[in-house]
């Protein structure tokens, strides 16, 4: 299996430019300008290079913003040989990937993630998309495609500008990977080294990314086992949607962390996941994420969960873990009914509110 980060970002980008007619860089305006300058320098040559920046965040993952980028691509004369380069966090790579996959039926794509969460998760696997804004609020990732990037570049120096909160958010996805491959050396190292220090996390990025890439390779279009990567995300996406509607400040990683805590408790109750490991991980997650959030009512959660893209045959589908001693893969088709979920969620709220 080819490594996700098998070469330097500079070499990979230069190789990706070969044979292109132009380069279009979509970047996060919150990044230090020197990061964009670095990328532009690597693109210098005979090709025209165009840059378009916007402020990252869930609010940009809309069809309206995608249309704005389409128009900018038209304005600069982009064609099907234009290379789209996305420089930013997960919302930039999600949005940029969606635009690249749909503009003129597809542009080649390079992703240069600048957040920990994007480096270990969001930029890997070819999934992209935008949220659907409806009268009651936003629904996450309801519209999207698959487009495998030509190259994903890693520069951990770009993490130096991230606030601690964003580092912890990315760490939550690394914890998810460790739960999905609990016997890997990465999982053991992450559990032993619970201090969330950027220097330590930088060294673990390739290993965490490889766990996701391995799962993606087995099921590229998410028809089966790849759904395990949604561990904690049924709850997380509901938390995020409600938080957005209520104007609450919750990061994706924080929502995932609480989704993992809920998944661990349910895995023990319904599938026999070991209590000892459940308690160890829950303690590590709650202390590590360090972000108490509002846990809204079961009724509000259920209303959003009914729209989750993993659902099949009108069933609310979730991902839970079998015991660590089991050889069974994660259960990707655990089905909730409303009464059972309500009881479990009400108990969870009482315990953690």
Protein backbone atom coordinates (compact mmCIF):
# COMPACT_ATOMS: atom_id res chain seq x y z
CA UNK A 1 0.00 0.00 0.00
CA UNK A 2 1.34 3.39 -0.98
CA UNK A 3 1.88 5.69 1.96
CA UNK A 4 -0.42 8.71 2.25
CA UNK A 5 2.52 11.02 2.84
CA UNK A 6 5.18 9.29 0.77
CA UNK A 7 7.08 12.36 -0.40
CA UNK A 8 7.58 16.00 0.50
CA UNK A 9 4.75 18.37 -0.29
CA UNK A 10 6.99 20.47 -2.51
CA UNK A 11 8.00 17.54 -4.74
CA UNK A 12 4.49 16.18 -4.88
CA UNK A 13 3.03 19.54 -5.87
CA UNK A 14 5.63 20.11 -8.59
CA UNK A 15 4.92 16.66 -10.06
CA UNK A 16 1.18 17.34 -9.99
CA UNK A 17 1.58 20.55 -11.98
CA UNK A 18 3.17 18.76 -14.93
CA UNK A 19 0.83 18.68 -17.91
CA UNK A 20 -1.58 21.25 -16.45
CA UNK A 21 -2.69 24.46 -18.19
CA UNK A 22 -3.06 26.52 -15.00
CA UNK A 23 -3.19 26.29 -11.21
CA UNK A 24 -6.07 27.52 -9.07
CA UNK A 25 -5.29 27.77 -5.34
CA UNK A 26 -8.24 27.84 -2.94
CA UNK A 27 -7.00 28.87 0.51
CA UNK A 28 -8.24 29.85 3.95
CA UNK A 29 -7.92 33.60 4.47
CA UNK A 30 -7.22 33.00 8.17
CA UNK A 31 -3.88 31.36 7.39
CA UNK A 32 -0.66 33.33 7.73
CA UNK A 33 -0.07 34.81 4.28
CA UNK A 34 3.40 33.27 4.14
CA UNK A 35 1.82 29.80 3.79
CA UNK A 36 0.07 30.84 0.58
CA UNK A 37 3.27 32.48 -0.64
CA UNK A 38 5.14 29.21 -0.06
CA UNK A 39 2.66 27.32 -2.21
CA UNK A 40 2.61 29.98 -4.92
CA UNK A 41 6.42 29.85 -5.12
CA UNK A 42 6.32 26.10 -5.71
CA UNK A 43 3.87 26.69 -8.56
CA UNK A 44 5.99 29.31 -10.29
CA UNK A 45 6.95 28.60 -13.89
CA UNK A 46 5.28 28.87 -17.25
CA UNK A 47 1.76 28.25 -15.95
CA UNK A 48 -0.62 30.99 -14.80
CA UNK A 49 -1.37 30.67 -11.07
CA UNK A 50 -4.58 32.06 -9.59
CA UNK A 51 -5.43 32.37 -5.90
CA UNK A 52 -8.82 32.68 -4.27
CA UNK A 53 -9.18 32.93 -0.48
CA UNK A 54 -12.15 32.74 1.83
CA UNK A 55 -12.60 32.31 5.55
CA UNK A 56 -12.77 28.64 6.54
CA UNK A 57 -15.51 27.15 8.69
CA UNK A 58 -18.72 25.17 8.28
CA UNK A 59 -20.49 28.27 6.99
CA UNK A 60 -18.64 28.05 3.66
CA UNK A 61 -19.72 24.48 2.90
CA UNK A 62 -22.76 25.51 0.86
CA UNK A 63 -23.87 25.34 -2.76
CA UNK A 64 -23.92 29.14 -2.80
CA UNK A 65 -20.23 29.39 -1.94
CA UNK A 66 -19.43 26.59 -4.39
CA UNK A 67 -21.14 28.64 -7.10
CA UNK A 68 -19.00 31.64 -6.18
CA UNK A 69 -15.88 29.53 -6.78
CA UNK A 70 -17.27 28.17 -10.07
CA UNK A 71 -17.71 31.74 -11.26
CA UNK A 72 -14.16 32.63 -10.23
CA UNK A 73 -12.86 29.61 -12.16
CA UNK A 74 -14.77 30.82 -15.22
CA UNK A 75 -13.42 34.36 -14.76
CA UNK A 76 -9.79 33.17 -14.83
CA UNK A 77 -10.37 30.91 -17.83
CA UNK A 78 -9.97 27.59 -16.03
CA UNK A 79 -10.39 24.48 -18.17
CA UNK A 80 -10.39 20.73 -17.55
CA UNK A 81 -6.59 20.75 -17.41
CA UNK A 82 -6.54 23.27 -14.54
CA UNK A 83 -5.15 21.91 -11.27
CA UNK A 84 -7.16 22.75 -8.15
CA UNK A 85 -4.98 23.14 -5.04
CA UNK A 86 -6.71 23.40 -1.65
CA UNK A 87 -4.72 24.96 1.19
CA UNK A 88 -6.52 24.92 4.52
CA UNK A 89 -8.45 22.82 6.99
CA UNK A 90 -11.22 20.31 6.49
CA UNK A 91 -13.88 22.75 5.34
CA UNK A 92 -11.57 24.07 2.62
CA UNK A 93 -10.62 20.57 1.44
CA UNK A 94 -14.26 19.40 1.57
CA UNK A 95 -15.54 22.39 -0.38
CA UNK A 96 -12.61 22.52 -2.79
CA UNK A 97 -12.85 18.81 -3.48
CA UNK A 98 -16.54 19.16 -4.27
CA UNK A 99 -15.91 22.07 -6.64
CA UNK A 100 -13.03 20.22 -8.33
CA UNK A 101 -15.11 17.08 -8.86
CA UNK A 102 -18.05 18.95 -10.41
CA UNK A 103 -16.54 21.86 -12.37
CA UNK A 104 -16.49 20.88 -16.06
CA UNK A 105 -17.09 17.32 -14.80
CA UNK A 106 -13.81 17.13 -12.96
CA UNK A 107 -10.46 18.80 -12.31
CA UNK A 108 -7.38 17.16 -10.87
CA UNK A 109 -7.01 17.93 -7.18
CA UNK A 110 -4.15 18.48 -4.74
CA UNK A 111 -4.85 18.85 -1.03
CA UNK A 112 -2.48 20.68 1.31
CA UNK A 113 -4.10 20.35 4.74
CA UNK A 114 -3.08 22.90 7.37
CA UNK A 115 -4.95 21.59 10.44
CA UNK A 116 -4.31 18.44 12.43
CA UNK A 117 -7.86 17.23 11.82
CA UNK A 118 -7.47 17.62 8.06
CA UNK A 119 -4.03 15.99 8.03
CA UNK A 120 -5.17 12.82 9.79
CA UNK A 121 -8.74 12.60 8.55
CA UNK A 122 -10.61 15.14 6.42
CA UNK A 123 -8.14 15.29 3.53
CA UNK A 124 -7.83 11.51 3.22
CA UNK A 125 -10.15 9.19 1.38
CA UNK A 126 -11.60 11.14 -1.53
CA UNK A 127 -14.89 12.13 0.11
CA UNK A 128 -15.95 15.73 -0.23
CA UNK A 129 -19.15 17.69 0.06
CA UNK A 130 -21.23 20.59 1.22
CA UNK A 131 -23.99 21.00 3.76
CA UNK A 132 -27.64 21.47 2.89
CA UNK A 133 -29.21 24.58 4.34
CA UNK A 134 -32.90 24.13 5.03
CA UNK A 135 -35.49 26.09 6.96
CA UNK A 136 -34.68 24.40 10.27
CA UNK A 137 -30.93 24.75 9.86
CA UNK A 138 -27.99 22.98 8.25
CA UNK A 139 -27.61 19.27 7.57
CA UNK A 140 -23.99 18.12 7.27
CA UNK A 141 -22.50 16.65 4.12
CA UNK A 142 -25.82 15.85 2.44
CA UNK A 143 -24.41 16.71 -0.99
CA UNK A 144 -21.08 15.34 -2.15
CA UNK A 145 -18.98 13.19 -4.44
CA UNK A 146 -15.90 11.00 -4.37
CA UNK A 147 -12.72 12.38 -5.93
CA UNK A 148 -9.38 10.87 -5.00
CA UNK A 149 -6.74 13.63 -4.85
CA UNK A 150 -3.78 13.35 -7.17
CA UNK A 151 -1.61 14.20 -4.17
CA UNK A 152 -1.95 15.07 -0.48
CA UNK A 153 0.94 17.08 0.94
CA UNK A 154 2.11 17.16 4.55
CA UNK A 155 3.89 20.11 6.13
CA UNK A 156 3.62 19.89 9.91
CA UNK A 157 5.18 23.35 10.26
CA UNK A 158 1.80 24.74 9.18
CA UNK A 159 0.36 23.47 12.47
CA UNK A 160 2.41 25.97 14.46
CA UNK A 161 -0.18 28.71 13.92
CA UNK A 162 -3.08 26.59 15.19
CA UNK A 163 -4.70 27.43 18.54
CA UNK A 164 -4.69 24.72 21.19
CA UNK A 165 -8.40 24.12 20.70
CA UNK A 166 -7.87 23.13 17.07
CA UNK A 167 -5.03 20.80 18.01
CA UNK A 168 -7.30 19.02 20.48
CA UNK A 169 -10.03 18.78 17.85
CA UNK A 170 -7.66 16.97 15.50
CA UNK A 171 -6.50 14.74 18.33
CA UNK A 172 -10.10 13.49 18.71
CA UNK A 173 -9.99 12.00 15.21
CA UNK A 174 -6.67 10.36 16.06
CA UNK A 175 -8.34 8.74 19.06
CA UNK A 176 -11.05 7.44 16.73
CA UNK A 177 -8.40 5.83 14.54
CA UNK A 178 -6.78 4.21 17.57
CA UNK A 179 -10.14 2.69 18.54
CA UNK A 180 -10.60 1.30 15.03
CA UNK A 181 -7.14 -0.31 15.03
CA UNK A 182 -6.70 -0.90 18.73
CA UNK A 183 -3.77 -3.31 18.46
CA UNK A 184 -1.59 -1.14 16.23
CA UNK A 185 1.62 0.42 17.49
CA UNK A 186 0.06 3.82 16.85
CA UNK A 187 -2.86 3.00 19.14
CA UNK A 188 -0.56 1.83 21.91
CA UNK A 189 1.65 4.90 21.56
CA UNK A 190 -1.30 7.30 21.57
CA UNK A 191 -2.73 5.73 24.69
CA UNK A 192 0.60 5.78 26.56
CA UNK A 193 1.40 9.36 25.51
CA UNK A 194 -1.75 11.11 26.60
CA UNK A 195 -0.19 14.57 26.82
CA UNK A 196 -1.51 16.53 23.86
CA UNK A 197 1.75 18.14 22.86
CA UNK A 198 2.10 19.28 19.27
CA UNK A 199 5.60 17.85 18.94
CA UNK A 200 4.43 14.36 19.90
CA UNK A 201 1.32 14.57 17.72
CA UNK A 202 3.34 15.63 14.67
CA UNK A 203 5.27 12.38 14.83
CA UNK A 204 2.04 10.37 14.93
CA UNK A 205 0.30 12.01 11.97
CA UNK A 206 1.53 9.56 9.28
CA UNK A 207 0.57 6.53 11.38
CA UNK A 208 -2.90 7.89 12.11
CA UNK A 209 -3.40 8.74 8.45
CA UNK A 210 -2.35 5.24 7.40
CA UNK A 211 -5.08 3.68 9.54
CA UNK A 212 -7.71 5.69 7.71
CA UNK A 213 -6.12 5.06 4.30
CA UNK A 214 -6.06 1.31 4.91
CA UNK A 215 -9.78 1.29 5.70
CA UNK A 216 -10.51 3.48 2.66
CA UNK A 217 -8.54 1.18 0.36
CA UNK A 218 -10.68 -1.77 1.43
CA UNK A 219 -13.92 0.07 0.60
CA UNK A 220 -13.30 3.22 -1.48
CA UNK A 221 -16.96 4.10 -2.09
CA UNK A 222 -18.19 3.41 1.45
CA UNK A 223 -20.48 0.50 0.62
CA UNK A 224 -19.49 -1.48 3.71
CA UNK A 225 -16.48 -1.51 6.03
CA UNK A 226 -15.45 2.10 5.37
CA UNK A 227 -18.53 3.15 7.33
CA UNK A 228 -16.54 2.26 10.46
CA UNK A 229 -14.82 5.64 10.02
CA UNK A 230 -18.14 7.16 11.09
CA UNK A 231 -17.56 5.93 14.64
CA UNK A 232 -18.88 8.69 16.89
CA UNK A 233 -20.12 10.74 13.95
CA UNK A 234 -23.85 9.99 14.06
CA UNK A 235 -23.98 11.81 17.38
CA UNK A 236 -21.28 14.31 16.38
CA UNK A 237 -23.09 15.52 13.28
CA UNK A 238 -26.33 15.93 15.23
CA UNK A 239 -24.49 17.91 17.92
CA UNK A 240 -22.92 20.14 15.25
CA UNK A 241 -26.19 20.74 13.41
CA UNK A 242 -28.04 21.72 16.57
CA UNK A 243 -25.13 23.86 17.76
CA UNK A 244 -25.15 25.70 14.44
CA UNK A 245 -28.88 26.33 14.69
CA UNK A 246 -28.49 27.55 18.29
CA UNK A 247 -25.42 29.70 17.45
CA UNK A 248 -23.26 27.65 19.82
CA UNK A 249 -19.51 27.40 19.30
CA UNK A 250 -18.63 23.72 18.87
CA UNK A 251 -15.79 22.40 16.70
CA UNK A 252 -16.08 19.20 14.69
CA UNK A 253 -13.45 17.53 16.85
CA UNK A 254 -15.26 18.44 20.06
CA UNK A 255 -18.49 16.97 18.69
CA UNK A 256 -16.61 13.84 17.62
CA UNK A 257 -15.07 13.49 21.07
CA UNK A 258 -18.50 13.44 22.73
CA UNK A 259 -19.78 11.16 19.98
CA UNK A 260 -16.97 8.72 20.81
CA UNK A 261 -17.83 8.82 24.51
CA UNK A 262 -21.44 7.94 23.68
CA UNK A 263 -20.34 5.21 21.25
CA UNK A 264 -18.07 3.66 23.88
CA UNK A 265 -20.85 3.55 26.46
CA UNK A 266 -23.26 2.02 23.94
CA UNK A 267 -20.64 -0.47 22.72
CA UNK A 268 -20.31 -1.82 26.25
CA UNK A 269 -24.06 -2.00 26.82
CA UNK A 270 -25.05 -3.55 23.49
CA UNK A 271 -21.95 -5.40 22.21
CA UNK A 272 -19.94 -6.17 25.34
CA UNK A 273 -17.00 -3.83 24.76
CA UNK A 274 -14.79 -4.17 27.83
CA UNK A 275 -15.73 -1.84 30.70
CA UNK A 276 -12.08 -1.35 31.64
CA UNK A 277 -11.16 -0.05 28.19
CA UNK A 278 -14.36 1.96 27.95
CA UNK A 279 -13.54 3.77 31.18
CA UNK A 280 -9.91 4.33 30.21
CA UNK A 281 -10.78 5.85 26.86
CA UNK A 282 -13.65 7.96 28.16
CA UNK A 283 -11.45 9.46 30.85
CA UNK A 284 -8.74 10.17 28.29
CA UNK A 285 -11.18 11.75 25.82
CA UNK A 286 -12.98 13.99 28.30
CA UNK A 287 -9.74 15.22 29.84
CA UNK A 288 -8.05 15.58 26.47
CA UNK A 289 -10.75 17.46 24.59
CA UNK A 290 -11.37 19.71 27.62
CA UNK A 291 -14.57 21.10 26.11
CA UNK A 292 -17.86 20.68 27.95
CA UNK A 293 -20.73 21.21 25.52
CA UNK A 294 -24.50 21.48 25.69
CA UNK A 295 -26.13 18.09 25.21
CA UNK A 296 -29.51 18.89 23.72
CA UNK A 297 -32.70 16.87 24.10
CA UNK A 298 -33.19 13.43 22.60
CA UNK A 299 -36.04 14.83 20.51
CA UNK A 300 -33.75 17.43 18.91
CA UNK A 301 -31.00 14.87 18.36
CA UNK A 302 -33.36 12.33 16.84
CA UNK A 303 -34.82 14.83 14.37
CA UNK A 304 -31.34 15.48 12.96
CA UNK A 305 -30.26 11.83 13.12
CA UNK A 306 -33.19 10.89 10.88
CA UNK A 307 -31.41 12.76 8.05
CA UNK A 308 -27.98 11.14 8.57
CA UNK A 309 -26.49 10.06 5.24
CA UNK A 310 -25.57 6.60 6.63
CA UNK A 311 -29.21 5.69 7.20
CA UNK A 312 -30.77 2.91 5.14
CA UNK A 313 -34.40 1.82 4.77
CA UNK A 314 -35.46 4.71 7.04
CA UNK A 315 -33.42 3.26 9.91
CA UNK A 316 -31.11 5.42 12.02
CA UNK A 317 -27.83 3.58 11.64
CA UNK A 318 -24.80 3.90 13.93
CA UNK A 319 -21.32 2.42 14.40
CA UNK A 320 -20.36 0.54 17.57
CA UNK A 321 -17.34 -1.48 18.69
CA UNK A 322 -17.09 -5.16 19.50
CA UNK A 323 -14.81 -6.16 22.41
CA UNK A 324 -11.10 -5.62 21.82
CA UNK A 325 -10.57 -9.36 22.24
CA UNK A 326 -12.99 -10.05 19.38
CA UNK A 327 -11.89 -10.55 15.79
CA UNK A 328 -15.12 -8.96 14.56
CA UNK A 329 -14.80 -5.61 12.78
CA UNK A 330 -16.80 -2.64 14.08
CA UNK A 331 -20.54 -3.06 13.67
CA UNK A 332 -21.45 -0.50 11.02
CA UNK A 333 -25.17 -1.25 10.89
CA UNK A 334 -26.34 -0.89 14.48
CA UNK A 335 -29.94 0.29 14.28
CA UNK A 336 -31.57 2.64 16.76
CA UNK A 337 -35.25 2.90 17.41
CA UNK A 338 -36.50 6.16 18.85
CA UNK A 339 -37.53 4.84 22.27
CA UNK A 340 -34.26 3.00 22.84
CA UNK A 341 -32.19 5.99 21.76
CA UNK A 342 -34.21 8.39 23.89
CA UNK A 343 -33.68 6.30 27.01
CA UNK A 344 -29.96 5.93 26.37
CA UNK A 345 -29.46 9.60 25.47
CA UNK A 346 -31.42 10.83 28.48
CA UNK A 347 -29.20 8.72 30.75
CA UNK A 348 -26.11 10.02 28.95
CA UNK A 349 -27.20 13.65 29.41
CA UNK A 350 -27.78 13.16 33.13
CA UNK A 351 -24.36 11.60 33.53
CA UNK A 352 -22.37 14.16 31.55
CA UNK A 353 -24.27 17.46 31.84
